[in-house]
PDB file of N, CA and C in Angstrom:
ATOM      1  N   MET A   1       6.381 -24.496 -68.330  1.00  0.00           N
ATOM      2  CA  MET A   1       5.527 -23.639 -67.558  1.00  0.00           C
ATOM      3  C   MET A   1       6.344 -23.094 -66.390  1.00  0.00           C
ATOM      4  N   THR A   2       6.184 -21.837 -66.124  1.00  0.00           N
ATOM      5  CA  THR A   2       6.860 -21.200 -65.005  1.00  0.00           C
ATOM      6  C   THR A   2       5.854 -20.971 -63.887  1.00  0.00           C
ATOM      7  N   LEU A   3       6.205 -21.432 -62.699  1.00  0.00           N
ATOM      8  CA  LEU A   3       5.353 -21.199 -61.538  1.00  0.00           C
ATOM      9  C   LEU A   3       5.858 -19.968 -60.809  1.00  0.00           C
ATOM     10  N   VAL A   4       4.961 -19.061 -60.535  1.00  0.00           N
ATOM     11  CA  VAL A   4       5.324 -17.857 -59.790  1.00  0.00           C
ATOM     12  C   VAL A   4       4.943 -18.078 -58.331  1.00  0.00           C
ATOM     13  N   PRO A   5       5.592 -17.368 -57.413  1.00  0.00           N
ATOM     14  CA  PRO A   5       5.225 -17.508 -56.002  1.00  0.00           C
ATOM     15  C   PRO A   5       3.719 -17.297 -55.802  1.00  0.00           C
ATOM     16  N   GLY A   6       3.149 -18.173 -55.016  1.00  0.00           N
ATOM     17  CA  GLY A   6       1.708 -18.136 -54.773  1.00  0.00           C
ATOM     18  C   GLY A   6       0.932 -19.096 -55.652  1.00  0.00           C
ATOM     19  N   SER A   7       1.606 -19.694 -56.628  1.00  0.00           N
ATOM     20  CA  SER A   7       0.949 -20.672 -57.504  1.00  0.00           C
ATOM     21  C   SER A   7       0.672 -21.956 -56.746  1.00  0.00           C
ATOM     22  N   ARG A   8      -0.334 -22.665 -57.212  1.00  0.00           N
ATOM     23  CA  ARG A   8      -0.626 -24.002 -56.710  1.00  0.00           C
ATOM     24  C   ARG A   8      -0.614 -24.957 -57.885  1.00  0.00           C
ATOM     25  N   LEU A   9      -0.120 -26.149 -57.619  1.00  0.00           N
ATOM     26  CA  LEU A   9      -0.062 -27.194 -58.625  1.00  0.00           C
ATOM     27  C   LEU A   9      -0.945 -28.347 -58.157  1.00  0.00           C
ATOM     28  N   ALA A  10      -1.787 -28.840 -59.047  1.00  0.00           N
ATOM     29  CA  ALA A  10      -2.658 -29.974 -58.734  1.00  0.00           C
ATOM     30  C   ALA A  10      -2.279 -31.143 -59.634  1.00  0.00           C
ATOM     31  N   LEU A  11      -1.970 -32.269 -59.030  1.00  0.00           N
ATOM     32  CA  LEU A  11      -1.694 -33.506 -59.745  1.00  0.00           C
ATOM     33  C   LEU A  11      -2.747 -34.517 -59.308  1.00  0.00           C
ATOM     34  N   TYR A  12      -3.327 -35.217 -60.270  1.00  0.00           N
ATOM     35  CA  TYR A  12      -4.402 -36.140 -59.918  1.00  0.00           C
ATOM     36  C   TYR A  12      -4.396 -37.351 -60.837  1.00  0.00           C
ATOM     37  N   THR A  13      -4.970 -38.424 -60.351  1.00  0.00           N
ATOM     38  CA  THR A  13      -5.108 -39.631 -61.161  1.00  0.00           C
ATOM     39  C   THR A  13      -6.423 -39.566 -61.934  1.00  0.00           C
ATOM     40  N   ASP A  14      -6.511 -40.398 -62.948  1.00  0.00           N
ATOM     41  CA  ASP A  14      -7.696 -40.384 -63.806  1.00  0.00           C
ATOM     42  C   ASP A  14      -8.971 -40.792 -63.071  1.00  0.00           C
ATOM     43  N   GLY A  15      -8.841 -41.521 -61.986  1.00  0.00           N
ATOM     44  CA  GLY A  15     -10.023 -41.939 -61.234  1.00  0.00           C
ATOM     45  C   GLY A  15     -10.810 -40.778 -60.653  1.00  0.00           C
ATOM     46  N   LEU A  16     -10.169 -39.629 -60.529  1.00  0.00           N
ATOM     47  CA  LEU A  16     -10.857 -38.447 -59.995  1.00  0.00           C
ATOM     48  C   LEU A  16     -11.734 -37.787 -61.052  1.00  0.00           C
ATOM     49  N   VAL A  17     -11.398 -37.941 -62.328  1.00  0.00           N
ATOM     50  CA  VAL A  17     -12.112 -37.202 -63.368  1.00  0.00           C
ATOM     51  C   VAL A  17     -12.803 -38.062 -64.418  1.00  0.00           C
ATOM     52  N   GLU A  18     -12.463 -39.316 -64.554  1.00  0.00           N
ATOM     53  CA  GLU A  18     -13.098 -40.132 -65.584  1.00  0.00           C
ATOM     54  C   GLU A  18     -14.461 -40.649 -65.128  1.00  0.00           C
ATOM     55  N   ARG A  19     -15.453 -40.462 -66.003  1.00  0.00           N
ATOM     56  CA  ARG A  19     -16.812 -40.961 -65.773  1.00  0.00           C
ATOM     57  C   ARG A  19     -17.268 -41.626 -67.060  1.00  0.00           C
ATOM     58  N   ARG A  20     -17.893 -42.747 -66.944  1.00  0.00           N
ATOM     59  CA  ARG A  20     -18.362 -43.461 -68.140  1.00  0.00           C
ATOM     60  C   ARG A  20     -19.468 -42.699 -68.861  1.00  0.00           C
ATOM     61  N   ASP A  21     -20.222 -41.901 -68.134  1.00  0.00           N
ATOM     62  CA  ASP A  21     -21.384 -41.237 -68.716  1.00  0.00           C
ATOM     63  C   ASP A  21     -21.174 -39.746 -69.004  1.00  0.00           C
ATOM     64  N   GLU A  22     -19.922 -39.253 -68.903  1.00  0.00           N
ATOM     65  CA  GLU A  22     -19.639 -37.842 -69.151  1.00  0.00           C
ATOM     66  C   GLU A  22     -18.349 -37.689 -69.947  1.00  0.00           C
ATOM     67  N   PRO A  23     -18.290 -36.662 -70.797  1.00  0.00           N
ATOM     68  CA  PRO A  23     -17.038 -36.411 -71.522  1.00  0.00           C
ATOM     69  C   PRO A  23     -15.912 -36.032 -70.558  1.00  0.00           C
ATOM     70  N   LEU A  24     -14.715 -36.518 -70.840  1.00  0.00           N
ATOM     71  CA  LEU A  24     -13.563 -36.256 -69.976  1.00  0.00           C
ATOM     72  C   LEU A  24     -13.311 -34.758 -69.821  1.00  0.00           C
ATOM     73  N   ASP A  25     -13.421 -34.002 -70.898  1.00  0.00           N
ATOM     74  CA  ASP A  25     -13.178 -32.554 -70.823  1.00  0.00           C
ATOM     75  C   ASP A  25     -14.125 -31.867 -69.846  1.00  0.00           C
ATOM     76  N   ALA A  26     -15.370 -32.292 -69.812  1.00  0.00           N
ATOM     77  CA  ALA A  26     -16.339 -31.702 -68.887  1.00  0.00           C
ATOM     78  C   ALA A  26     -15.950 -31.987 -67.446  1.00  0.00           C
ATOM     79  N   CYS A  27     -15.473 -33.184 -67.180  1.00  0.00           N
ATOM     80  CA  CYS A  27     -15.065 -33.562 -65.824  1.00  0.00           C
ATOM     81  C   CYS A  27     -13.815 -32.789 -65.400  1.00  0.00           C
ATOM     82  N   ILE A  28     -12.874 -32.623 -66.307  1.00  0.00           N
ATOM     83  CA  ILE A  28     -11.664 -31.851 -65.993  1.00  0.00           C
ATOM     84  C   ILE A  28     -12.016 -30.390 -65.766  1.00  0.00           C
ATOM     85  N   ASP A  29     -12.903 -29.846 -66.580  1.00  0.00           N
ATOM     86  CA  ASP A  29     -13.346 -28.459 -66.394  1.00  0.00           C
ATOM     87  C   ASP A  29     -14.014 -28.272 -65.035  1.00  0.00           C
ATOM     88  N   ARG A  30     -14.823 -29.258 -64.633  1.00  0.00           N
ATOM     89  CA  ARG A  30     -15.496 -29.172 -63.329  1.00  0.00           C
ATOM     90  C   ARG A  30     -14.476 -29.195 -62.195  1.00  0.00           C
ATOM     91  N   LEU A  31     -13.450 -30.045 -62.309  1.00  0.00           N
ATOM     92  CA  LEU A  31     -12.404 -30.086 -61.285  1.00  0.00           C
ATOM     93  C   LEU A  31     -11.634 -28.767 -61.256  1.00  0.00           C
ATOM     94  N   ALA A  32     -11.306 -28.225 -62.421  1.00  0.00           N
ATOM     95  CA  ALA A  32     -10.595 -26.943 -62.483  1.00  0.00           C
ATOM     96  C   ALA A  32     -11.411 -25.832 -61.838  1.00  0.00           C
ATOM     97  N   ALA A  33     -12.709 -25.816 -62.078  1.00  0.00           N
ATOM     98  CA  ALA A  33     -13.572 -24.806 -61.464  1.00  0.00           C
ATOM     99  C   ALA A  33     -13.612 -24.974 -59.949  1.00  0.00           C
ATOM    100  N   LEU A  34     -13.709 -26.196 -59.494  1.00  0.00           N
ATOM    101  CA  LEU A  34     -13.727 -26.482 -58.059  1.00  0.00           C
ATOM    102  C   LEU A  34     -12.423 -26.032 -57.407  1.00  0.00           C
ATOM    103  N   LEU A  35     -11.300 -26.309 -58.049  1.00  0.00           N
ATOM    104  CA  LEU A  35     -10.005 -25.874 -57.519  1.00  0.00           C
ATOM    105  C   LEU A  35      -9.904 -24.352 -57.529  1.00  0.00           C
ATOM    106  N   GLY A  36     -10.415 -23.716 -58.566  1.00  0.00           N
ATOM    107  CA  GLY A  36     -10.401 -22.258 -58.634  1.00  0.00           C
ATOM    108  C   GLY A  36     -11.223 -21.625 -57.521  1.00  0.00           C
ATOM    109  N   GLU A  37     -12.382 -22.203 -57.237  1.00  0.00           N
ATOM    110  CA  GLU A  37     -13.237 -21.703 -56.157  1.00  0.00           C
ATOM    111  C   GLU A  37     -12.580 -21.884 -54.792  1.00  0.00           C
ATOM    112  N   SER A  38     -11.671 -22.828 -54.695  1.00  0.00           N
ATOM    113  CA  SER A  38     -11.014 -23.155 -53.428  1.00  0.00           C
ATOM    114  C   SER A  38      -9.642 -22.504 -53.282  1.00  0.00           C
ATOM    115  N   ALA A  39      -9.267 -21.657 -54.226  1.00  0.00           N
ATOM    116  CA  ALA A  39      -7.908 -21.118 -54.283  1.00  0.00           C
ATOM    117  C   ALA A  39      -7.499 -20.358 -53.023  1.00  0.00           C
ATOM    118  N   ALA A  40      -8.414 -19.713 -52.360  1.00  0.00           N
ATOM    119  CA  ALA A  40      -8.073 -18.918 -51.183  1.00  0.00           C
ATOM    120  C   ALA A  40      -8.065 -19.744 -49.897  1.00  0.00           C
ATOM    121  N   GLN A  41      -8.504 -20.990 -49.968  1.00  0.00           N
ATOM    122  CA  GLN A  41      -8.557 -21.832 -48.775  1.00  0.00           C
ATOM    123  C   GLN A  41      -7.169 -22.347 -48.416  1.00  0.00           C
ATOM    124  N   PRO A  42      -6.931 -22.565 -47.133  1.00  0.00           N
ATOM    125  CA  PRO A  42      -5.650 -23.156 -46.719  1.00  0.00           C
ATOM    126  C   PRO A  42      -5.466 -24.529 -47.353  1.00  0.00           C
ATOM    127  N   LEU A  43      -4.233 -24.895 -47.593  1.00  0.00           N
ATOM    128  CA  LEU A  43      -3.936 -26.161 -48.260  1.00  0.00           C
ATOM    129  C   LEU A  43      -4.243 -27.369 -47.373  1.00  0.00           C
ATOM    130  N   ALA A  44      -4.093 -27.225 -46.068  1.00  0.00           N
ATOM    131  CA  ALA A  44      -4.327 -28.341 -45.146  1.00  0.00           C
ATOM    132  C   ALA A  44      -5.758 -28.860 -45.283  1.00  0.00           C
ATOM    133  N   GLY A  45      -5.889 -30.110 -45.670  1.00  0.00           N
ATOM    134  CA  GLY A  45      -7.200 -30.745 -45.791  1.00  0.00           C
ATOM    135  C   GLY A  45      -7.937 -30.435 -47.081  1.00  0.00           C
ATOM    136  N   LEU A  46      -7.396 -29.538 -47.910  1.00  0.00           N
ATOM    137  CA  LEU A  46      -8.090 -29.124 -49.125  1.00  0.00           C
ATOM    138  C   LEU A  46      -8.227 -30.275 -50.120  1.00  0.00           C
ATOM    139  N   ALA A  47      -7.191 -31.072 -50.276  1.00  0.00           N
ATOM    140  CA  ALA A  47      -7.265 -32.191 -51.222  1.00  0.00           C
ATOM    141  C   ALA A  47      -8.399 -33.150 -50.846  1.00  0.00           C
ATOM    142  N   ASP A  48      -8.572 -33.405 -49.566  1.00  0.00           N
ATOM    143  CA  ASP A  48      -9.669 -34.277 -49.122  1.00  0.00           C
ATOM    144  C   ASP A  48     -11.026 -33.650 -49.448  1.00  0.00           C
ATOM    145  N   ARG A  49     -11.169 -32.354 -49.162  1.00  0.00           N
ATOM    146  CA  ARG A  49     -12.441 -31.687 -49.417  1.00  0.00           C
ATOM    147  C   ARG A  49     -12.764 -31.648 -50.906  1.00  0.00           C
ATOM    148  N   VAL A  50     -11.775 -31.326 -51.730  1.00  0.00           N
ATOM    149  CA  VAL A  50     -11.993 -31.270 -53.177  1.00  0.00           C
ATOM    150  C   VAL A  50     -12.335 -32.659 -53.722  1.00  0.00           C
ATOM    151  N   THR A  51     -11.622 -33.677 -53.257  1.00  0.00           N
ATOM    152  CA  THR A  51     -11.882 -35.039 -53.715  1.00  0.00           C
ATOM    153  C   THR A  51     -13.294 -35.470 -53.349  1.00  0.00           C
ATOM    154  N   GLU A  52     -13.689 -35.222 -52.120  1.00  0.00           N
ATOM    155  CA  GLU A  52     -15.042 -35.600 -51.689  1.00  0.00           C
ATOM    156  C   GLU A  52     -16.106 -34.876 -52.507  1.00  0.00           C
ATOM    157  N   THR A  53     -15.891 -33.600 -52.778  1.00  0.00           N
ATOM    158  CA  THR A  53     -16.854 -32.834 -53.563  1.00  0.00           C
ATOM    159  C   THR A  53     -16.890 -33.325 -55.005  1.00  0.00           C
ATOM    160  N   ALA A  54     -15.725 -33.582 -55.582  1.00  0.00           N
ATOM    161  CA  ALA A  54     -15.660 -34.027 -56.974  1.00  0.00           C
ATOM    162  C   ALA A  54     -16.312 -35.397 -57.154  1.00  0.00           C
ATOM    163  N   LEU A  55     -16.124 -36.286 -56.197  1.00  0.00           N
ATOM    164  CA  LEU A  55     -16.689 -37.627 -56.309  1.00  0.00           C
ATOM    165  C   LEU A  55     -18.142 -37.690 -55.878  1.00  0.00           C
ATOM    166  N   GLY A  56     -18.520 -36.866 -54.906  1.00  0.00           N
ATOM    167  CA  GLY A  56     -19.866 -36.950 -54.367  1.00  0.00           C
ATOM    168  C   GLY A  56     -20.106 -38.329 -53.798  1.00  0.00           C
ATOM    169  N   ALA A  57     -21.258 -38.883 -54.036  1.00  0.00           N
ATOM    170  CA  ALA A  57     -21.589 -40.223 -53.544  1.00  0.00           C
ATOM    171  C   ALA A  57     -21.060 -41.305 -54.475  1.00  0.00           C
ATOM    172  N   ARG A  58     -20.561 -40.897 -55.632  1.00  0.00           N
ATOM    173  CA  ARG A  58     -20.079 -41.836 -56.643  1.00  0.00           C
ATOM    174  C   ARG A  58     -18.732 -42.428 -56.242  1.00  0.00           C
ATOM    175  N   ARG A  59     -18.628 -43.717 -56.324  1.00  0.00           N
ATOM    176  CA  ARG A  59     -17.355 -44.397 -56.110  1.00  0.00           C
ATOM    177  C   ARG A  59     -17.022 -45.099 -57.410  1.00  0.00           C
ATOM    178  N   THR A  60     -15.842 -44.845 -57.925  1.00  0.00           N
ATOM    179  CA  THR A  60     -15.504 -45.286 -59.267  1.00  0.00           C
ATOM    180  C   THR A  60     -14.941 -46.695 -59.333  1.00  0.00           C
ATOM    181  N   GLY A  61     -14.389 -47.212 -58.256  1.00  0.00           N
ATOM    182  CA  GLY A  61     -13.703 -48.486 -58.308  1.00  0.00           C
ATOM    183  C   GLY A  61     -12.302 -48.337 -58.872  1.00  0.00           C
ATOM    184  N   ASP A  62     -11.930 -47.120 -59.209  1.00  0.00           N
ATOM    185  CA  ASP A  62     -10.614 -46.810 -59.755  1.00  0.00           C
ATOM    186  C   ASP A  62      -9.808 -46.096 -58.673  1.00  0.00           C
ATOM    187  N   ASP A  63      -8.492 -46.032 -58.876  1.00  0.00           N
ATOM    188  CA  ASP A  63      -7.663 -45.295 -57.933  1.00  0.00           C
ATOM    189  C   ASP A  63      -8.006 -43.810 -58.015  1.00  0.00           C
ATOM    190  N   VAL A  64      -8.011 -43.152 -56.874  1.00  0.00           N
ATOM    191  CA  VAL A  64      -8.283 -41.716 -56.811  1.00  0.00           C
ATOM    192  C   VAL A  64      -7.236 -41.076 -55.925  1.00  0.00           C
ATOM    193  N   CYS A  65      -6.493 -40.140 -56.503  1.00  0.00           N
ATOM    194  CA  CYS A  65      -5.470 -39.438 -55.751  1.00  0.00           C
ATOM    195  C   CYS A  65      -5.403 -37.997 -56.239  1.00  0.00           C
ATOM    196  N   LEU A  66      -5.285 -37.068 -55.317  1.00  0.00           N
ATOM    197  CA  LEU A  66      -5.112 -35.658 -55.628  1.00  0.00           C
ATOM    198  C   LEU A  66      -4.001 -35.126 -54.738  1.00  0.00           C
ATOM    199  N   LEU A  67      -2.990 -34.541 -55.355  1.00  0.00           N
ATOM    200  CA  LEU A  67      -1.875 -33.945 -54.642  1.00  0.00           C
ATOM    201  C   LEU A  67      -1.860 -32.465 -54.981  1.00  0.00           C
ATOM    202  N   LEU A  68      -1.928 -31.621 -53.947  1.00  0.00           N
ATOM    203  CA  LEU A  68      -1.884 -30.170 -54.124  1.00  0.00           C
ATOM    204  C   LEU A  68      -0.597 -29.643 -53.518  1.00  0.00           C
ATOM    205  N   VAL A  69       0.078 -28.764 -54.254  1.00  0.00           N
ATOM    206  CA  VAL A  69       1.352 -28.216 -53.810  1.00  0.00           C
ATOM    207  C   VAL A  69       1.287 -26.702 -53.920  1.00  0.00           C
ATOM    208  N   ASP A  70       1.668 -26.007 -52.846  1.00  0.00           N
ATOM    209  CA  ASP A  70       1.838 -24.550 -52.869  1.00  0.00           C
ATOM    210  C   ASP A  70       3.256 -24.246 -53.290  1.00  0.00           C
ATOM    211  N   PHE A  71       3.425 -23.296 -54.200  1.00  0.00           N
ATOM    212  CA  PHE A  71       4.764 -22.878 -54.608  1.00  0.00           C
ATOM    213  C   PHE A  71       5.058 -21.536 -53.968  1.00  0.00           C
ATOM    214  N   ALA A  72       5.978 -21.544 -52.991  1.00  0.00           N
ATOM    215  CA  ALA A  72       6.305 -20.330 -52.260  1.00  0.00           C
ATOM    216  C   ALA A  72       7.381 -19.502 -52.982  1.00  0.00           C
ATOM    217  N   GLY A  73       8.137 -20.126 -53.868  1.00  0.00           N
ATOM    218  CA  GLY A  73       9.141 -19.380 -54.632  1.00  0.00           C
ATOM    219  C   GLY A  73      10.520 -19.427 -54.024  1.00  0.00           C
TER     220      GLY A  73
END
């Protein structure tokens, strides 16, 4: 995959998207949509906001990590 200037890369652990009561693909799609809606927001603090929104009140007991990187080129 080639990243062009202005691209963002999201790396995350399974604890952010795995749910016992939902298909994994649906959870990944929801995270992708959330990241897409947030694309114009500054990177500072965005990972925290996205993580909180993705998890809601649910705590998984699993590790949860989201790393967002801006590619300036």
